[in-house]
Amino acid sequence: MWTDLRKEIETISKDFEFKENQFRSLGLNEWQEVEDKIYQTFCKLTHHKSRPVWLWNYFKLETYSISIEQYPYVYLDKLIDSKESVWFFVNETVNEMNKFWFYQGQIKPIQIITEQSSYIDELYIVSKKYDWLLCINHHGILIATGHIMPDRLRQLTNINN
């Protein structure tokens, strides 16, 4: 099913002519394993089938966060190397159920998609080695968890103050 968010992301990707190595959606055979590993690595789950939508409420590793009133996504390329390929996922309500759409890409295309999209409410970016996770939640809070990333965000905050 092609929802409004998925259509919009696909249109932005085509309009900006992203190559597959820069940004692509994950297929059915790919995303489930990625999603499972993200929950196992980063979240405290109360039940093995539990899948919270707001992961940031369930982080089990060190976290650091900053509140940014406008455009928190502009900081992402200061935290993630431009050549690194990462997991990117966003949520959408479909038939009164929450659903994540998973992508693989580099940070610049992800920033462009985030800037151009009118449907992205929350987003998550995860190292492909599952070392760290970044989240921008619907409150405009940039949250880092895992290894290295909380310190990177802390250092970036100190530089900008």
N, C-alpha and C. Protein backbone atom coordinates (compact mmCIF):
# COMPACT_ATOMS: atom_id res chain seq x y z
N MET A 1 0.85 -1.18 0.00
CA MET A 1 0.00 0.00 0.00
C MET A 1 0.90 1.25 0.00
N TRP A 2 0.61 2.15 -0.88
CA TRP A 2 1.38 3.40 -0.97
C TRP A 2 0.60 4.49 -0.26
N THR A 3 1.02 4.79 0.96
CA THR A 3 0.37 5.83 1.76
C THR A 3 0.89 7.19 1.32
N ASP A 4 0.29 8.26 1.85
CA ASP A 4 0.72 9.61 1.50
C ASP A 4 2.19 9.84 1.83
N LEU A 5 2.62 9.37 3.00
CA LEU A 5 4.02 9.56 3.39
C LEU A 5 4.95 8.82 2.45
N ARG A 6 4.66 7.58 2.16
CA ARG A 6 5.52 6.80 1.25
C ARG A 6 5.57 7.42 -0.14
N LYS A 7 4.43 7.86 -0.63
CA LYS A 7 4.39 8.51 -1.95
C LYS A 7 5.24 9.78 -1.93
N GLU A 8 5.09 10.56 -0.87
CA GLU A 8 5.84 11.80 -0.77
C GLU A 8 7.35 11.54 -0.74
N ILE A 9 7.78 10.59 0.05
CA ILE A 9 9.21 10.27 0.13
C ILE A 9 9.71 9.78 -1.22
N GLU A 10 8.95 8.95 -1.90
CA GLU A 10 9.33 8.47 -3.23
C GLU A 10 9.43 9.63 -4.22
N THR A 11 8.48 10.55 -4.17
CA THR A 11 8.50 11.71 -5.07
C THR A 11 9.71 12.60 -4.81
N ILE A 12 10.00 12.87 -3.56
CA ILE A 12 11.17 13.69 -3.21
C ILE A 12 12.44 13.01 -3.69
N SER A 13 12.53 11.72 -3.47
CA SER A 13 13.70 10.95 -3.89
C SER A 13 13.90 11.03 -5.41
N LYS A 14 12.83 10.94 -6.15
CA LYS A 14 12.91 11.04 -7.62
C LYS A 14 13.21 12.47 -8.05
N ASP A 15 12.57 13.43 -7.42
CA ASP A 15 12.80 14.85 -7.79
C ASP A 15 14.27 15.25 -7.59
N PHE A 16 14.88 14.72 -6.55
CA PHE A 16 16.28 15.06 -6.27
C PHE A 16 17.26 14.05 -6.89
N GLU A 17 16.70 13.09 -7.61
CA GLU A 17 17.48 12.11 -8.37
C GLU A 17 18.51 11.38 -7.51
N PHE A 18 18.07 10.93 -6.33
CA PHE A 18 18.96 10.16 -5.46
C PHE A 18 19.26 8.82 -6.10
N LYS A 19 20.52 8.44 -6.08
CA LYS A 19 20.91 7.13 -6.55
C LYS A 19 20.59 6.11 -5.45
N GLU A 20 20.50 4.85 -5.82
CA GLU A 20 20.13 3.82 -4.86
C GLU A 20 21.11 3.74 -3.68
N ASN A 21 22.39 4.01 -3.92
CA ASN A 21 23.35 3.97 -2.81
C ASN A 21 23.20 5.18 -1.89
N GLN A 22 22.51 6.22 -2.35
CA GLN A 22 22.28 7.42 -1.53
C GLN A 22 21.02 7.29 -0.67
N PHE A 23 19.98 6.67 -1.26
CA PHE A 23 18.72 6.54 -0.53
C PHE A 23 17.83 5.53 -1.25
N ARG A 24 17.30 4.58 -0.47
CA ARG A 24 16.36 3.61 -1.04
C ARG A 24 15.48 3.03 0.07
N SER A 25 14.30 2.57 -0.32
CA SER A 25 13.42 1.92 0.65
C SER A 25 13.88 0.48 0.86
N LEU A 26 13.62 -0.04 2.05
CA LEU A 26 13.94 -1.43 2.33
C LEU A 26 12.79 -2.31 1.87
N GLY A 27 13.13 -3.44 1.31
CA GLY A 27 12.12 -4.39 0.86
C GLY A 27 11.52 -5.18 2.02
N LEU A 28 10.47 -5.90 1.72
CA LEU A 28 9.78 -6.70 2.73
C LEU A 28 10.70 -7.68 3.43
N ASN A 29 11.65 -8.22 2.71
CA ASN A 29 12.55 -9.22 3.29
C ASN A 29 13.68 -8.59 4.09
N GLU A 30 13.79 -7.27 4.08
CA GLU A 30 14.87 -6.59 4.78
C GLU A 30 14.44 -5.91 6.07
N TRP A 31 13.32 -5.23 6.05
CA TRP A 31 12.99 -4.33 7.15
C TRP A 31 12.68 -5.03 8.46
N GLN A 32 12.09 -6.23 8.42
CA GLN A 32 11.70 -6.90 9.66
C GLN A 32 12.91 -7.21 10.53
N GLU A 33 13.98 -7.69 9.93
CA GLU A 33 15.20 -7.99 10.68
C GLU A 33 15.81 -6.72 11.27
N VAL A 34 15.79 -5.65 10.50
CA VAL A 34 16.32 -4.36 10.98
C VAL A 34 15.49 -3.86 12.16
N GLU A 35 14.18 -3.90 12.02
CA GLU A 35 13.31 -3.44 13.10
C GLU A 35 13.52 -4.26 14.37
N ASP A 36 13.58 -5.58 14.24
CA ASP A 36 13.78 -6.43 15.41
C ASP A 36 15.10 -6.10 16.12
N LYS A 37 16.15 -5.93 15.35
CA LYS A 37 17.48 -5.65 15.92
C LYS A 37 17.48 -4.28 16.62
N ILE A 38 16.78 -3.30 16.07
CA ILE A 38 16.70 -1.97 16.69
C ILE A 38 16.01 -2.07 18.05
N TYR A 39 14.87 -2.75 18.11
CA TYR A 39 14.17 -2.90 19.39
C TYR A 39 15.03 -3.66 20.40
N GLN A 40 15.67 -4.74 19.97
CA GLN A 40 16.50 -5.53 20.88
C GLN A 40 17.68 -4.72 21.42
N THR A 41 18.28 -3.93 20.56
CA THR A 41 19.49 -3.20 20.93
C THR A 41 19.22 -1.97 21.77
N PHE A 42 18.18 -1.23 21.45
CA PHE A 42 18.01 0.09 22.05
C PHE A 42 16.86 0.25 23.03
N CYS A 43 15.94 -0.70 23.09
CA CYS A 43 14.72 -0.49 23.88
C CYS A 43 14.55 -1.50 25.02
N LYS A 44 14.01 -1.00 26.13
CA LYS A 44 13.55 -1.86 27.22
C LYS A 44 12.12 -2.25 26.87
N LEU A 45 11.92 -3.51 26.61
CA LEU A 45 10.58 -3.97 26.25
C LEU A 45 9.96 -4.73 27.40
N THR A 46 8.68 -4.48 27.64
CA THR A 46 8.00 -5.15 28.74
C THR A 46 7.49 -6.52 28.32
N HIS A 47 7.37 -6.76 27.03
CA HIS A 47 6.92 -8.03 26.49
C HIS A 47 7.64 -8.25 25.17
N HIS A 48 8.00 -9.50 24.86
CA HIS A 48 8.79 -9.78 23.66
C HIS A 48 8.09 -9.39 22.36
N LYS A 49 6.77 -9.24 22.40
CA LYS A 49 6.04 -8.81 21.20
C LYS A 49 5.69 -7.33 21.25
N SER A 50 6.09 -6.66 22.31
CA SER A 50 5.82 -5.24 22.47
C SER A 50 6.61 -4.44 21.45
N ARG A 51 5.94 -3.52 20.77
CA ARG A 51 6.57 -2.67 19.77
C ARG A 51 6.08 -1.23 19.93
N PRO A 52 6.67 -0.49 20.87
CA PRO A 52 6.23 0.90 21.05
C PRO A 52 6.55 1.75 19.83
N VAL A 53 5.71 2.72 19.57
CA VAL A 53 5.93 3.63 18.45
C VAL A 53 6.92 4.72 18.84
N TRP A 54 6.79 5.21 20.04
CA TRP A 54 7.71 6.25 20.52
C TRP A 54 8.88 5.56 21.22
N LEU A 55 9.82 5.11 20.45
CA LEU A 55 10.96 4.37 20.99
C LEU A 55 11.69 5.17 22.06
N TRP A 56 11.75 6.47 21.90
CA TRP A 56 12.50 7.33 22.81
C TRP A 56 12.01 7.25 24.26
N ASN A 57 10.81 6.75 24.47
CA ASN A 57 10.32 6.54 25.83
C ASN A 57 10.84 5.24 26.44
N TYR A 58 11.52 4.42 25.64
CA TYR A 58 11.93 3.08 26.08
C TYR A 58 13.43 2.83 25.93
N PHE A 59 14.22 3.85 25.69
CA PHE A 59 15.65 3.64 25.50
C PHE A 59 16.28 3.06 26.76
N LYS A 60 17.19 2.10 26.56
CA LYS A 60 17.83 1.46 27.71
C LYS A 60 19.30 1.83 27.85
N LEU A 61 19.87 2.45 26.84
CA LEU A 61 21.27 2.85 26.89
C LEU A 61 21.37 4.33 27.24
N GLU A 62 22.60 4.79 27.48
CA GLU A 62 22.80 6.20 27.77
C GLU A 62 22.15 7.07 26.69
N THR A 63 21.51 8.14 27.12
CA THR A 63 20.91 9.08 26.16
C THR A 63 21.34 10.50 26.51
N TYR A 64 21.29 11.32 25.48
CA TYR A 64 21.49 12.75 25.66
C TYR A 64 20.55 13.42 24.67
N SER A 65 19.89 14.49 25.09
CA SER A 65 18.94 15.14 24.20
C SER A 65 19.01 16.66 24.33
N ILE A 66 18.61 17.31 23.26
CA ILE A 66 18.51 18.77 23.26
C ILE A 66 17.19 19.15 22.57
N SER A 67 16.60 20.19 23.05
CA SER A 67 15.38 20.70 22.46
C SER A 67 15.75 21.79 21.46
N ILE A 68 15.27 21.64 20.25
CA ILE A 68 15.57 22.60 19.19
C ILE A 68 14.24 23.07 18.62
N GLU A 69 13.99 24.36 18.73
CA GLU A 69 12.69 24.88 18.34
C GLU A 69 12.39 24.71 16.86
N GLN A 70 13.37 24.97 16.01
CA GLN A 70 13.13 24.87 14.57
C GLN A 70 14.21 24.05 13.89
N TYR A 71 13.79 23.17 13.03
CA TYR A 71 14.68 22.42 12.12
C TYR A 71 15.80 21.64 12.80
N PRO A 72 15.48 20.76 13.72
CA PRO A 72 16.54 19.98 14.37
C PRO A 72 17.32 19.10 13.39
N TYR A 73 16.73 18.77 12.26
CA TYR A 73 17.40 17.92 11.27
C TYR A 73 18.65 18.57 10.68
N VAL A 74 18.80 19.89 10.79
CA VAL A 74 19.99 20.54 10.22
C VAL A 74 21.26 20.14 10.97
N TYR A 75 21.13 19.60 12.18
CA TYR A 75 22.28 19.18 12.96
C TYR A 75 22.77 17.78 12.58
N LEU A 76 21.96 17.03 11.87
CA LEU A 76 22.28 15.62 11.62
C LEU A 76 23.59 15.42 10.87
N ASP A 77 23.89 16.26 9.89
CA ASP A 77 25.13 16.07 9.13
C ASP A 77 26.36 16.52 9.93
N LYS A 78 26.15 17.13 11.06
CA LYS A 78 27.25 17.48 11.96
C LYS A 78 27.56 16.31 12.90
N LEU A 79 26.65 15.34 12.95
CA LEU A 79 26.79 14.19 13.82
C LEU A 79 27.16 12.90 13.06
N ILE A 80 26.75 12.84 11.81
CA ILE A 80 26.92 11.62 11.01
C ILE A 80 27.76 11.93 9.78
N ASP A 81 28.75 11.11 9.52
CA ASP A 81 29.61 11.26 8.35
C ASP A 81 28.78 11.18 7.07
N SER A 82 29.05 12.07 6.12
CA SER A 82 28.24 12.16 4.90
C SER A 82 28.29 10.91 4.03
N LYS A 83 29.33 10.11 4.15
CA LYS A 83 29.45 8.90 3.33
C LYS A 83 28.90 7.65 4.01
N GLU A 84 28.57 7.77 5.29
CA GLU A 84 28.07 6.61 6.03
C GLU A 84 26.65 6.27 5.60
N SER A 85 26.41 5.00 5.38
CA SER A 85 25.07 4.52 5.07
C SER A 85 24.41 4.11 6.39
N VAL A 86 23.18 4.59 6.61
CA VAL A 86 22.46 4.37 7.87
C VAL A 86 21.06 3.85 7.59
N TRP A 87 20.43 3.32 8.63
CA TRP A 87 19.00 3.01 8.56
C TRP A 87 18.24 4.28 8.93
N PHE A 88 17.14 4.51 8.23
CA PHE A 88 16.29 5.67 8.47
C PHE A 88 14.86 5.14 8.50
N PHE A 89 14.12 5.49 9.56
CA PHE A 89 12.72 5.07 9.55
C PHE A 89 11.83 6.13 10.17
N VAL A 90 10.62 6.15 9.66
CA VAL A 90 9.60 7.13 10.06
C VAL A 90 8.30 6.38 10.32
N ASN A 91 7.46 6.96 11.16
CA ASN A 91 6.19 6.29 11.44
C ASN A 91 5.03 7.02 10.79
N GLU A 92 3.98 6.25 10.58
CA GLU A 92 2.76 6.78 10.00
C GLU A 92 1.60 5.96 10.53
N THR A 93 0.45 6.58 10.69
CA THR A 93 -0.74 5.85 11.09
C THR A 93 -1.45 5.36 9.84
N VAL A 94 -1.64 4.05 9.77
CA VAL A 94 -2.30 3.42 8.62
C VAL A 94 -3.43 2.55 9.17
N ASN A 95 -4.66 2.83 8.71
CA ASN A 95 -5.83 2.08 9.19
C ASN A 95 -5.88 2.04 10.72
N GLU A 96 -5.64 3.19 11.33
CA GLU A 96 -5.67 3.37 12.78
C GLU A 96 -4.60 2.56 13.51
N MET A 97 -3.59 2.11 12.80
CA MET A 97 -2.45 1.39 13.38
C MET A 97 -1.19 2.15 13.01
N ASN A 98 -0.21 2.10 13.90
CA ASN A 98 1.06 2.74 13.60
C ASN A 98 1.96 1.79 12.83
N LYS A 99 2.65 2.35 11.85
CA LYS A 99 3.51 1.57 10.97
C LYS A 99 4.80 2.34 10.74
N PHE A 100 5.93 1.64 10.76
CA PHE A 100 7.21 2.25 10.40
C PHE A 100 7.53 1.93 8.96
N TRP A 101 8.09 2.90 8.25
CA TRP A 101 8.62 2.71 6.90
C TRP A 101 10.13 2.83 7.00
N PHE A 102 10.82 1.83 6.48
CA PHE A 102 12.27 1.74 6.63
C PHE A 102 13.00 2.03 5.33
N TYR A 103 14.12 2.74 5.48
CA TYR A 103 14.95 3.13 4.35
C TYR A 103 16.42 2.95 4.73
N GLN A 104 17.25 2.95 3.71
CA GLN A 104 18.70 2.95 3.90
C GLN A 104 19.21 4.13 3.11
N GLY A 105 20.14 4.90 3.69
CA GLY A 105 20.64 6.04 2.94
C GLY A 105 21.74 6.79 3.65
N GLN A 106 22.15 7.84 2.99
CA GLN A 106 23.16 8.74 3.54
C GLN A 106 22.45 9.96 4.13
N ILE A 107 23.16 10.67 4.97
CA ILE A 107 22.52 11.72 5.77
C ILE A 107 22.03 12.92 4.94
N LYS A 108 22.76 13.31 3.93
CA LYS A 108 22.31 14.48 3.12
C LYS A 108 20.94 14.22 2.47
N PRO A 109 20.74 13.09 1.77
CA PRO A 109 19.40 12.83 1.24
C PRO A 109 18.33 12.74 2.33
N ILE A 110 18.70 12.17 3.47
CA ILE A 110 17.74 12.08 4.58
C ILE A 110 17.35 13.48 5.07
N GLN A 111 18.31 14.38 5.14
CA GLN A 111 18.00 15.75 5.55
C GLN A 111 17.09 16.42 4.51
N ILE A 112 17.35 16.21 3.25
CA ILE A 112 16.52 16.81 2.20
C ILE A 112 15.10 16.27 2.29
N ILE A 113 14.96 14.97 2.44
CA ILE A 113 13.63 14.37 2.55
C ILE A 113 12.89 14.92 3.77
N THR A 114 13.60 15.03 4.88
CA THR A 114 12.99 15.55 6.11
C THR A 114 12.55 17.00 5.92
N GLU A 115 13.39 17.79 5.27
CA GLU A 115 13.05 19.20 5.04
C GLU A 115 11.86 19.34 4.09
N GLN A 116 11.81 18.54 3.06
CA GLN A 116 10.79 18.66 2.03
C GLN A 116 9.45 18.01 2.40
N SER A 117 9.47 17.11 3.34
CA SER A 117 8.27 16.34 3.67
C SER A 117 7.31 17.15 4.54
N SER A 118 6.04 17.01 4.23
CA SER A 118 5.02 17.63 5.07
C SER A 118 4.37 16.59 5.99
N TYR A 119 4.79 15.32 5.88
CA TYR A 119 4.16 14.25 6.65
C TYR A 119 5.02 13.66 7.75
N ILE A 120 6.33 13.90 7.74
CA ILE A 120 7.19 13.28 8.75
C ILE A 120 6.97 13.95 10.10
N ASP A 121 6.55 13.13 11.07
CA ASP A 121 6.27 13.60 12.41
C ASP A 121 7.43 13.29 13.35
N GLU A 122 7.94 12.08 13.24
CA GLU A 122 9.10 11.65 14.00
C GLU A 122 10.00 10.85 13.08
N LEU A 123 11.29 10.89 13.37
CA LEU A 123 12.21 10.11 12.55
C LEU A 123 13.30 9.51 13.42
N TYR A 124 13.83 8.43 12.92
CA TYR A 124 14.90 7.71 13.60
C TYR A 124 15.99 7.40 12.59
N ILE A 125 17.23 7.51 13.03
CA ILE A 125 18.39 7.17 12.21
C ILE A 125 19.27 6.26 13.06
N VAL A 126 19.69 5.14 12.48
CA VAL A 126 20.42 4.13 13.23
C VAL A 126 21.67 3.71 12.47
N SER A 127 22.76 3.59 13.17
CA SER A 127 23.99 3.04 12.60
C SER A 127 23.70 1.63 12.09
N LYS A 128 24.25 1.28 10.92
CA LYS A 128 24.04 -0.06 10.38
C LYS A 128 24.72 -1.13 11.22
N LYS A 129 25.63 -0.71 12.10
CA LYS A 129 26.25 -1.64 13.05
C LYS A 129 25.48 -1.66 14.37
N TYR A 130 24.40 -0.88 14.45
CA TYR A 130 23.56 -0.76 15.64
C TYR A 130 24.35 -0.24 16.83
N ASP A 131 25.31 0.65 16.55
CA ASP A 131 26.11 1.27 17.60
C ASP A 131 25.37 2.43 18.26
N TRP A 132 24.57 3.15 17.52
CA TRP A 132 23.90 4.34 18.02
C TRP A 132 22.58 4.55 17.29
N LEU A 133 21.76 5.40 17.88
CA LEU A 133 20.47 5.78 17.29
C LEU A 133 20.25 7.26 17.58
N LEU A 134 19.76 7.97 16.57
CA LEU A 134 19.32 9.35 16.73
C LEU A 134 17.82 9.41 16.46
N CYS A 135 17.15 10.24 17.19
CA CYS A 135 15.71 10.42 17.03
C CYS A 135 15.40 11.91 17.05
N ILE A 136 14.50 12.32 16.20
CA ILE A 136 13.89 13.64 16.33
C ILE A 136 12.41 13.36 16.56
N ASN A 137 11.96 13.66 17.75
CA ASN A 137 10.57 13.32 18.07
C ASN A 137 9.63 14.47 17.69
N HIS A 138 8.35 14.23 17.90
CA HIS A 138 7.33 15.21 17.50
C HIS A 138 7.33 16.46 18.37
N HIS A 139 8.17 16.52 19.38
CA HIS A 139 8.34 17.71 20.22
C HIS A 139 9.54 18.55 19.77
N GLY A 140 10.22 18.12 18.71
CA GLY A 140 11.41 18.84 18.24
C GLY A 140 12.64 18.58 19.09
N ILE A 141 12.65 17.45 19.77
CA ILE A 141 13.80 17.09 20.61
C ILE A 141 14.68 16.12 19.84
N LEU A 142 15.95 16.45 19.77
CA LEU A 142 16.95 15.60 19.14
C LEU A 142 17.55 14.73 20.24
N ILE A 143 17.40 13.43 20.09
CA ILE A 143 17.81 12.48 21.14
C ILE A 143 18.84 11.53 20.55
N ALA A 144 19.93 11.33 21.29
CA ALA A 144 20.97 10.39 20.89
C ALA A 144 21.07 9.30 21.95
N THR A 145 21.24 8.07 21.51
CA THR A 145 21.45 6.96 22.43
C THR A 145 22.44 5.98 21.82
N GLY A 146 22.93 5.09 22.66
CA GLY A 146 23.89 4.09 22.19
C GLY A 146 25.31 4.52 22.50
N HIS A 147 26.24 4.00 21.73
CA HIS A 147 27.65 4.29 21.91
C HIS A 147 28.05 5.48 21.05
N ILE A 148 28.86 6.32 21.53
CA ILE A 148 29.46 7.46 20.83
C ILE A 148 28.50 8.62 20.62
N MET A 149 27.30 8.35 20.14
CA MET A 149 26.41 9.43 19.70
C MET A 149 25.97 10.38 20.82
N PRO A 150 25.65 9.91 22.04
CA PRO A 150 25.33 10.89 23.09
C PRO A 150 26.48 11.88 23.32
N ASP A 151 27.72 11.38 23.28
CA ASP A 151 28.88 12.27 23.46
C ASP A 151 29.03 13.22 22.28
N ARG A 152 28.79 12.74 21.08
CA ARG A 152 28.87 13.62 19.90
C ARG A 152 27.85 14.75 20.00
N LEU A 153 26.64 14.41 20.39
CA LEU A 153 25.60 15.43 20.53
C LEU A 153 25.95 16.40 21.66
N ARG A 154 26.46 15.89 22.74
CA ARG A 154 26.88 16.74 23.87
C ARG A 154 27.97 17.71 23.41
N GLN A 155 28.97 17.21 22.68
CA GLN A 155 30.05 18.06 22.18
C GLN A 155 29.52 19.11 21.20
N LEU A 156 28.62 18.73 20.34
CA LEU A 156 28.03 19.68 19.39
C LEU A 156 27.27 20.76 20.13
N THR A 157 26.56 20.39 21.17
CA THR A 157 25.82 21.35 21.99
C THR A 157 26.78 22.33 22.66
N ASN A 158 27.90 21.82 23.18
CA ASN A 158 28.88 22.68 23.85
C ASN A 158 29.53 23.65 22.88
N ILE A 159 29.77 23.21 21.66
CA ILE A 159 30.38 24.10 20.63
C ILE A 159 29.42 25.22 20.27
N ASN A 160 28.12 24.91 20.18
CA ASN A 160 27.14 25.90 19.74
C ASN A 160 26.68 26.83 20.85
N ASN A 161 27.12 26.59 22.06
CA ASN A 161 26.71 27.48 23.18
C ASN A 161 27.74 28.55 23.43
